[in-house]
Amino acid sequence: MTESALPFSPATAAALDDFMSRPDAGVLGTVGDRSGDFAVLGANGKMGFHLCRMLRRAIEATDGPDSERRVVAVSRFGSEGARARFEEHGIVAIPADLGVPDQLSRLPAFPNVFFLAGVKFGTAHDPDLLRRMNVEMPARVAERFRDSRLVALSTGCVYSFTTPASGGSTEESDTVPVGDYAISCLGREAAFRDAADRHGTRSALIRLNYAIDLRYGVLLDIAQKVAAGLPVDVTMGHVNVVWQSDALSHTIQALPLADAPPFVLNVTGPGILRVRELAEKFGGHFGKEPVITGAEAESAWLNDASKAHRLFGPPAVGIDDMIAWVAEWVKAGGETLGKPTRFEARDGNY
C-alpha cells in the first residue's frame, strides 16, 4: 500500500495487525490479575490471531518479557506458514482438530480458555456439519475443559429480529433464532450451560455482532460495492458494528466474570446504524452516488451492548473513524480476506 493518512499508518497488513492487537488498560488489568496460561481454541480464524497477540503482549507488559506464562493457539492450521505466523510472536501453536475426540483429549489442561471454533459459511445445505461443529464439538470441549474458566464466542443471531426503535436485544431478551446457523449457535451455548449444571464449569458467552477489520466485515462489504458501483441491498436495513480490537478487549475482560450458570454478554458498538446512510457516507469518500436496491425491512438482528459498555467502558473507535479507515484501505488497494459477511441474508442460512 501507499503512505496512509490513518492515525495508525498501516502501510502493510502487518502494521494493521500490530495496531489491532494492542492491549488497552482493561486488558492489561485482566491479564495481570489472572494466573496461568491462556489457550485460544480455534485460533486461526479471523479474530484468533489478534486475540492471541493481544494476550501475549499483555503478559509481556504486566509480567515482563521473560514471563513463563504462555499463550497457546490451538487450530488445525492450514500450513506451516499459518502456524509460523503465531510462533514468530511468541505464541505456542498446537495443531489439533477439535472435532476429533482423540486430538481434543490429548490437549493439555489450561486454566484460562477462549473458545472461538465453529462454522458458519457454506452450511446452508449441510445441517449435519452445523450439528457436528457447532453443537457436538462444543459439548466435548466444555467437558474436556470443565475445570477451566471459559469464554465462548457466540453470536447476536441467537436473538430474534427486533426493530431499531427497540434499541436492540438485551441479554435478557428471548432467544428465538432465525435459520439453522443461529439455531446451532444456541446449541453451542447449551453445551456450556450443561457443563455448568453438571460440573459447575464457569463460562462467559459472548454474543457478538459484527466485529470490523479493514480486511473483513459489513463496512468493507458496503464500501467495496459503493466503490465498484454495485447495488447495496438495504433490505436488512440496520446493523451494529464494533472495531475488532474493542470486541477483543471486552471479550478478554469478560474472563473474570465467567460463572455457573454462564455469564452472558452482548458485544458490539453503541447505537444502531442504517445501511443506507453507511452507503451514502462511503459514497462521499469515493465521490460516488451509491446504488441502492431493496426496501428496508421493519426489523433486523440488533443488539444492545450497553451492559458491556457499563462494565468495560465504551468502544474506543467510533463509526466515523471506522468508515474513514475502511474507505482509505479500499482506495489504497489494501488486501482483504475475500469473505463477504452476507449480512443482507434474512433467512439465517449461510
Protein backbone atom coordinates (compact mmCIF):
# COMPACT_ATOMS: atom_id res chain seq x y z
CA MET A 1 0.00 0.00 0.00
CA THR A 2 0.98 3.63 -0.39
CA GLU A 3 1.58 6.01 2.51
CA SER A 4 -1.53 6.14 4.70
CA ALA A 5 -3.12 9.11 6.45
CA LEU A 6 -4.73 6.87 9.05
CA PRO A 7 -3.80 7.60 12.68
CA PHE A 8 -2.02 4.26 12.96
CA SER A 9 -0.47 4.44 9.46
CA PRO A 10 -0.74 0.78 8.41
CA ALA A 11 1.49 0.75 5.37
CA THR A 12 1.22 -3.05 5.45
CA ALA A 13 -1.14 -5.69 6.76
CA ALA A 14 1.48 -6.48 9.40
CA ALA A 15 1.25 -2.90 10.67
CA LEU A 16 -2.53 -3.25 10.86
CA ASP A 17 -2.16 -6.50 12.81
CA ASP A 18 0.13 -4.71 15.25
CA PHE A 19 -2.42 -1.95 15.77
CA MET A 20 -5.32 -4.40 16.11
CA SER A 21 -3.59 -6.38 18.85
CA ARG A 22 -2.56 -3.60 21.22
CA PRO A 23 -3.88 -4.31 24.73
CA ASP A 24 -5.69 -1.47 26.45
CA ALA A 25 -5.73 -0.74 30.18
CA GLY A 26 -8.68 -3.05 30.78
CA VAL A 27 -6.95 -5.98 29.08
CA LEU A 28 -3.70 -5.30 30.96
CA GLY A 29 -5.58 -5.32 34.25
CA THR A 30 -7.44 -8.54 33.45
CA VAL A 31 -4.37 -10.44 32.26
CA GLY A 32 -2.25 -9.11 35.10
CA ASP A 33 -4.77 -10.30 37.67
CA ARG A 34 -5.05 -13.82 36.24
CA SER A 35 -2.58 -16.63 36.83
CA GLY A 36 -1.53 -19.42 34.49
CA ASP A 37 -1.56 -19.91 30.75
CA PHE A 38 -4.17 -18.78 28.22
CA ALA A 39 -5.43 -21.05 25.45
CA VAL A 40 -7.30 -19.90 22.34
CA LEU A 41 -9.18 -22.76 20.70
CA GLY A 42 -9.96 -22.25 17.03
CA ALA A 43 -7.20 -19.65 16.86
CA ASN A 44 -6.68 -19.50 13.10
CA GLY A 45 -9.95 -17.73 12.32
CA LYS A 46 -10.44 -14.03 11.65
CA MET A 47 -10.23 -13.00 15.33
CA GLY A 48 -7.97 -15.62 16.86
CA PHE A 49 -4.60 -14.25 15.74
CA HIS A 50 -5.30 -10.80 17.13
CA LEU A 51 -6.68 -12.28 20.36
CA CYS A 52 -3.54 -14.38 20.85
CA ARG A 53 -1.24 -11.45 20.15
CA MET A 54 -3.20 -9.16 22.48
CA LEU A 55 -2.92 -11.70 25.29
CA ARG A 56 0.80 -12.25 24.60
CA ARG A 57 1.53 -8.53 24.62
CA ALA A 58 -0.46 -8.07 27.82
CA ILE A 59 1.55 -10.81 29.54
CA GLU A 60 4.81 -9.22 28.45
CA ALA A 61 3.64 -5.79 29.60
CA THR A 62 2.47 -6.97 33.03
CA ASP A 63 4.92 -9.79 33.82
CA GLY A 64 7.93 -8.74 31.75
CA PRO A 65 9.29 -10.25 28.52
CA ASP A 66 10.70 -13.31 30.33
CA SER A 67 7.38 -14.41 31.81
CA GLU A 68 6.82 -18.16 31.83
CA ARG A 69 3.10 -17.75 31.25
CA ARG A 70 2.12 -18.92 27.77
CA VAL A 71 -0.47 -18.10 25.18
CA VAL A 72 -1.33 -21.31 23.32
CA ALA A 73 -3.07 -21.24 19.94
CA VAL A 74 -4.95 -24.43 19.05
CA SER A 75 -6.10 -24.93 15.48
CA ARG A 76 -5.86 -27.32 12.59
CA PHE A 77 -3.67 -24.68 10.88
CA GLY A 78 -3.74 -24.89 7.12
CA SER A 79 0.01 -24.83 6.60
CA GLU A 80 3.38 -24.39 8.26
CA GLY A 81 3.12 -20.72 7.35
CA ALA A 82 -0.12 -20.35 9.26
CA ARG A 83 1.47 -21.90 12.33
CA ALA A 84 4.66 -19.84 11.99
CA ARG A 85 2.60 -16.65 11.98
CA PHE A 86 1.74 -17.31 15.61
CA GLU A 87 5.09 -18.67 16.70
CA GLU A 88 7.06 -15.67 15.48
CA HIS A 89 5.16 -13.59 18.04
CA GLY A 90 5.93 -15.86 20.99
CA ILE A 91 2.67 -17.82 20.83
CA VAL A 92 2.78 -21.59 21.25
CA ALA A 93 0.96 -23.27 18.35
CA ILE A 94 -0.55 -26.74 18.83
CA PRO A 95 -2.05 -28.34 15.71
CA ALA A 96 -5.25 -30.18 16.62
CA ASP A 97 -8.68 -30.79 15.17
CA LEU A 98 -11.16 -30.07 17.97
CA GLY A 99 -13.74 -32.14 16.11
CA VAL A 100 -11.63 -35.31 16.56
CA PRO A 101 -12.15 -36.60 20.12
CA ASP A 102 -8.71 -38.20 20.43
CA GLN A 103 -6.96 -34.98 19.44
CA LEU A 104 -9.09 -32.94 21.82
CA SER A 105 -8.41 -35.30 24.71
CA ARG A 106 -4.64 -35.01 24.21
CA LEU A 107 -4.63 -31.25 24.71
CA PRO A 108 -3.13 -30.05 28.00
CA ALA A 109 -5.31 -28.55 30.69
CA PHE A 110 -5.42 -24.75 30.75
CA PRO A 111 -6.81 -22.51 33.49
CA ASN A 112 -7.98 -19.83 31.04
CA VAL A 113 -9.65 -20.81 27.76
CA PHE A 114 -11.12 -18.78 24.91
CA PHE A 115 -13.29 -20.86 22.57
CA LEU A 116 -13.62 -19.42 19.06
CA ALA A 117 -14.21 -22.55 16.98
CA GLY A 118 -17.25 -23.20 14.81
CA VAL A 119 -18.60 -22.99 11.27
CA LYS A 120 -20.92 -20.56 9.50
CA PHE A 121 -20.38 -20.04 5.79
CA GLY A 122 -21.18 -22.83 3.37
CA THR A 123 -23.53 -24.54 5.80
CA ALA A 124 -26.89 -23.57 4.28
CA HIS A 125 -27.37 -27.07 2.89
CA ASP A 126 -25.30 -29.01 5.41
CA PRO A 127 -27.18 -29.32 8.72
CA ASP A 128 -25.01 -32.28 9.72
CA LEU A 129 -21.91 -30.09 9.59
CA LEU A 130 -23.61 -27.44 11.73
CA ARG A 131 -24.59 -30.06 14.28
CA ARG A 132 -21.14 -31.64 14.43
CA MET A 133 -19.13 -28.42 14.64
CA ASN A 134 -21.48 -26.01 16.45
CA VAL A 135 -23.22 -28.37 18.87
CA GLU A 136 -21.43 -31.69 19.36
CA MET A 137 -17.84 -30.39 19.27
CA PRO A 138 -18.51 -27.57 21.78
CA ALA A 139 -20.10 -30.11 24.12
CA ARG A 140 -16.89 -32.16 24.05
CA VAL A 141 -14.78 -29.03 24.55
CA ALA A 142 -16.89 -27.97 27.54
CA GLU A 143 -16.44 -31.45 29.01
CA ARG A 144 -12.68 -31.54 28.35
CA PHE A 145 -12.13 -28.13 29.94
CA ARG A 146 -14.79 -28.41 32.61
CA ASP A 147 -12.34 -27.24 35.31
CA SER A 148 -11.16 -24.21 33.32
CA ARG A 149 -12.54 -20.70 33.24
CA LEU A 150 -14.01 -20.38 29.71
CA VAL A 151 -15.05 -17.57 27.41
CA ALA A 152 -17.01 -18.85 24.41
CA LEU A 153 -17.75 -16.78 21.34
CA SER A 154 -21.41 -16.85 20.34
CA THR A 155 -23.47 -14.53 18.13
CA GLY A 156 -26.23 -11.95 18.37
CA CYS A 157 -28.10 -14.07 15.84
CA VAL A 158 -29.44 -16.20 18.71
CA TYR A 159 -31.99 -13.44 19.31
CA SER A 160 -34.98 -12.85 17.08
CA PHE A 161 -35.23 -9.86 14.75
CA THR A 162 -36.16 -6.64 16.51
CA THR A 163 -36.98 -3.09 15.47
CA PRO A 164 -34.47 -0.23 15.52
CA ALA A 165 -36.84 1.65 17.84
CA SER A 166 -36.38 -1.10 20.46
CA GLY A 167 -32.71 -0.24 20.89
CA GLY A 168 -31.74 -3.84 20.20
CA SER A 169 -31.95 -7.12 22.09
CA THR A 170 -30.53 -7.22 25.61
CA GLU A 171 -29.04 -10.20 27.40
CA GLU A 172 -32.49 -10.82 28.92
CA SER A 173 -34.31 -10.91 25.56
CA ASP A 174 -35.84 -14.14 24.31
CA THR A 175 -33.61 -16.31 22.15
CA VAL A 176 -35.77 -17.20 19.16
CA PRO A 177 -33.18 -17.66 16.41
CA VAL A 178 -33.90 -17.46 12.69
CA GLY A 179 -32.27 -20.12 10.50
CA ASP A 180 -30.23 -23.25 11.04
CA TYR A 181 -26.95 -21.43 11.74
CA ALA A 182 -28.40 -19.40 14.62
CA ILE A 183 -30.18 -22.46 16.00
CA SER A 184 -26.86 -24.33 16.03
CA CYS A 185 -25.23 -21.41 17.88
CA LEU A 186 -27.89 -21.66 20.55
CA GLY A 187 -26.96 -25.34 20.76
CA ARG A 188 -23.33 -24.29 21.27
CA GLU A 189 -24.38 -22.12 24.18
CA ALA A 190 -26.36 -25.03 25.62
CA ALA A 191 -23.16 -27.09 25.78
CA PHE A 192 -21.65 -24.64 28.28
CA ARG A 193 -24.87 -24.37 30.24
CA ASP A 194 -24.92 -28.15 30.54
CA ALA A 195 -21.30 -28.19 31.74
CA ALA A 196 -22.22 -25.63 34.38
CA ASP A 197 -25.12 -27.79 35.56
CA ARG A 198 -23.07 -30.99 35.68
CA HIS A 199 -19.64 -29.77 36.78
CA GLY A 200 -20.01 -26.19 37.93
CA THR A 201 -17.97 -25.11 34.90
CA ARG A 202 -17.58 -21.33 34.80
CA SER A 203 -18.06 -19.69 31.42
CA ALA A 204 -18.97 -16.46 29.72
CA LEU A 205 -20.95 -16.44 26.47
CA ILE A 206 -20.11 -13.53 24.15
CA ARG A 207 -22.96 -12.67 21.79
CA LEU A 208 -21.03 -10.69 19.20
CA ASN A 209 -22.47 -8.55 16.43
CA TYR A 210 -20.16 -7.74 13.51
CA ALA A 211 -16.56 -7.10 14.52
CA ILE A 212 -14.82 -4.90 11.94
CA ASP A 213 -11.34 -5.39 10.50
CA LEU A 214 -10.26 -3.38 7.46
CA ARG A 215 -9.95 -6.69 5.60
CA TYR A 216 -13.33 -8.11 6.56
CA GLY A 217 -16.73 -7.01 7.77
CA VAL A 218 -20.01 -5.29 6.99
CA LEU A 219 -18.36 -1.93 6.38
CA LEU A 220 -15.91 -3.44 3.90
CA ASP A 221 -18.78 -5.20 2.10
CA ILE A 222 -20.66 -1.92 1.71
CA ALA A 223 -17.55 0.07 0.81
CA GLN A 224 -16.47 -2.34 -1.92
CA LYS A 225 -19.91 -2.23 -3.54
CA VAL A 226 -20.10 1.54 -3.45
CA ALA A 227 -16.57 1.88 -4.85
CA ALA A 228 -17.37 -0.56 -7.68
CA GLY A 229 -20.76 0.98 -8.48
CA LEU A 230 -22.57 -2.22 -7.46
CA PRO A 231 -26.00 -2.21 -5.78
CA VAL A 232 -26.14 -2.12 -1.99
CA ASP A 233 -29.11 -4.15 -0.74
CA VAL A 234 -30.79 -2.33 2.16
CA THR A 235 -33.44 -4.97 2.89
CA MET A 236 -31.56 -5.73 6.12
CA GLY A 237 -31.68 -2.05 6.77
CA HIS A 238 -29.91 -1.68 10.11
CA VAL A 239 -26.81 -3.18 11.78
CA ASN A 240 -24.49 -2.91 14.76
CA VAL A 241 -20.73 -2.95 14.27
CA VAL A 242 -17.70 -2.76 16.56
CA TRP A 243 -14.00 -2.32 15.85
CA GLN A 244 -12.37 -5.72 16.33
CA SER A 245 -9.83 -4.50 18.91
CA ASP A 246 -12.68 -3.23 21.08
CA ALA A 247 -14.55 -6.52 20.68
CA LEU A 248 -11.44 -8.42 21.76
CA SER A 249 -10.90 -6.12 24.72
CA HIS A 250 -14.42 -6.72 26.01
CA THR A 251 -14.11 -10.45 25.35
CA ILE A 252 -10.89 -10.70 27.38
CA GLN A 253 -12.31 -8.59 30.19
CA ALA A 254 -15.28 -10.96 30.44
CA LEU A 255 -12.96 -13.76 31.60
CA PRO A 256 -13.09 -12.95 35.36
CA LEU A 257 -16.89 -12.75 35.11
CA ALA A 258 -17.23 -16.34 33.87
CA ASP A 259 -19.72 -18.11 36.10
CA ALA A 260 -22.05 -21.07 36.51
CA PRO A 261 -24.62 -20.72 35.03
CA PRO A 262 -22.82 -18.87 32.23
CA PHE A 263 -22.43 -15.11 32.27
CA VAL A 264 -23.97 -13.72 29.06
CA LEU A 265 -22.71 -10.55 27.41
CA ASN A 266 -23.63 -8.73 24.22
CA VAL A 267 -20.59 -7.25 22.49
CA THR A 268 -20.95 -4.67 19.73
CA GLY A 269 -20.72 -0.94 19.20
CA PRO A 270 -23.09 1.72 20.50
CA GLY A 271 -26.17 2.72 18.58
CA ILE A 272 -27.94 1.29 15.57
CA LEU A 273 -26.64 2.10 12.10
CA ARG A 274 -28.71 2.49 8.95
CA VAL A 275 -27.20 0.62 5.99
CA ARG A 276 -28.44 3.25 3.53
CA GLU A 277 -26.65 6.01 5.45
CA LEU A 278 -23.45 3.96 5.66
CA ALA A 279 -23.52 3.57 1.88
CA GLU A 280 -24.04 7.31 1.48
CA LYS A 281 -21.07 8.08 3.73
CA PHE A 282 -18.86 5.77 1.70
CA GLY A 283 -20.18 7.48 -1.41
CA GLY A 284 -18.87 10.75 -0.02
CA HIS A 285 -15.42 9.24 0.50
CA PHE A 286 -15.32 7.78 -3.01
CA GLY A 287 -17.04 10.67 -4.79
CA LYS A 288 -19.79 8.34 -6.00
CA GLU A 289 -23.53 8.15 -5.57
CA PRO A 290 -24.30 4.73 -4.06
CA VAL A 291 -26.65 2.43 -5.94
CA ILE A 292 -29.37 1.37 -3.51
CA THR A 293 -31.63 -1.62 -4.01
CA GLY A 294 -34.37 -3.16 -1.90
CA ALA A 295 -36.72 -1.73 0.71
CA GLU A 296 -35.78 -1.62 4.39
CA ALA A 297 -37.49 -4.27 6.48
CA GLU A 298 -39.03 -3.18 9.76
CA SER A 299 -36.68 -5.40 11.79
CA ALA A 300 -33.11 -6.72 11.87
CA TRP A 301 -30.62 -8.52 14.09
CA LEU A 302 -29.78 -5.74 16.52
CA ASN A 303 -28.09 -5.91 19.90
CA ASP A 304 -27.95 -3.56 22.86
CA ALA A 305 -24.41 -3.80 24.29
CA SER A 306 -24.85 -1.15 26.98
CA LYS A 307 -24.11 -3.72 29.70
CA ALA A 308 -20.62 -4.33 28.28
CA HIS A 309 -20.09 -0.58 27.89
CA ARG A 310 -21.02 -0.01 31.53
CA LEU A 311 -18.68 -2.76 32.68
CA PHE A 312 -15.67 -2.03 30.49
CA GLY A 313 -16.23 1.40 29.01
CA PRO A 314 -17.46 2.29 25.51
CA PRO A 315 -15.51 1.14 22.45
CA ALA A 316 -12.52 3.37 21.75
CA VAL A 317 -13.08 3.51 17.98
CA GLY A 318 -16.18 5.24 16.68
CA ILE A 319 -18.12 4.65 13.49
CA ASP A 320 -16.82 7.71 11.65
CA ASP A 321 -13.23 6.56 12.14
CA MET A 322 -14.12 3.05 11.00
CA ILE A 323 -15.78 4.37 7.84
CA ALA A 324 -12.82 6.64 7.04
CA TRP A 325 -10.27 3.89 7.65
CA VAL A 326 -12.15 1.31 5.56
CA ALA A 327 -12.62 3.82 2.73
CA GLU A 328 -8.91 4.64 2.67
CA TRP A 329 -7.99 0.96 2.81
CA VAL A 330 -10.21 0.23 -0.19
CA LYS A 331 -8.90 3.22 -2.15
CA ALA A 332 -5.31 2.16 -1.44
CA GLY A 333 -5.95 -1.41 -2.61
CA GLY A 334 -5.37 -2.97 0.79
CA GLU A 335 -5.59 -6.75 0.99
CA THR A 336 -8.88 -8.35 2.07
CA LEU A 337 -9.90 -11.82 3.22
CA GLY A 338 -12.29 -12.17 0.29
CA LYS A 339 -15.09 -13.39 2.58
CA PRO A 340 -18.32 -11.38 2.36
CA THR A 341 -20.33 -11.40 5.58
CA ARG A 342 -23.66 -11.88 3.80
CA PHE A 343 -25.19 -9.52 6.35
CA GLU A 344 -28.07 -8.98 3.90
CA ALA A 345 -29.42 -12.52 4.44
CA ARG A 346 -32.67 -12.56 6.40
CA ASP A 347 -33.28 -16.30 6.33
CA GLY A 348 -30.38 -17.01 8.69
CA ASN A 349 -28.78 -19.50 6.30
CA TYR A 350 -25.23 -19.08 5.06
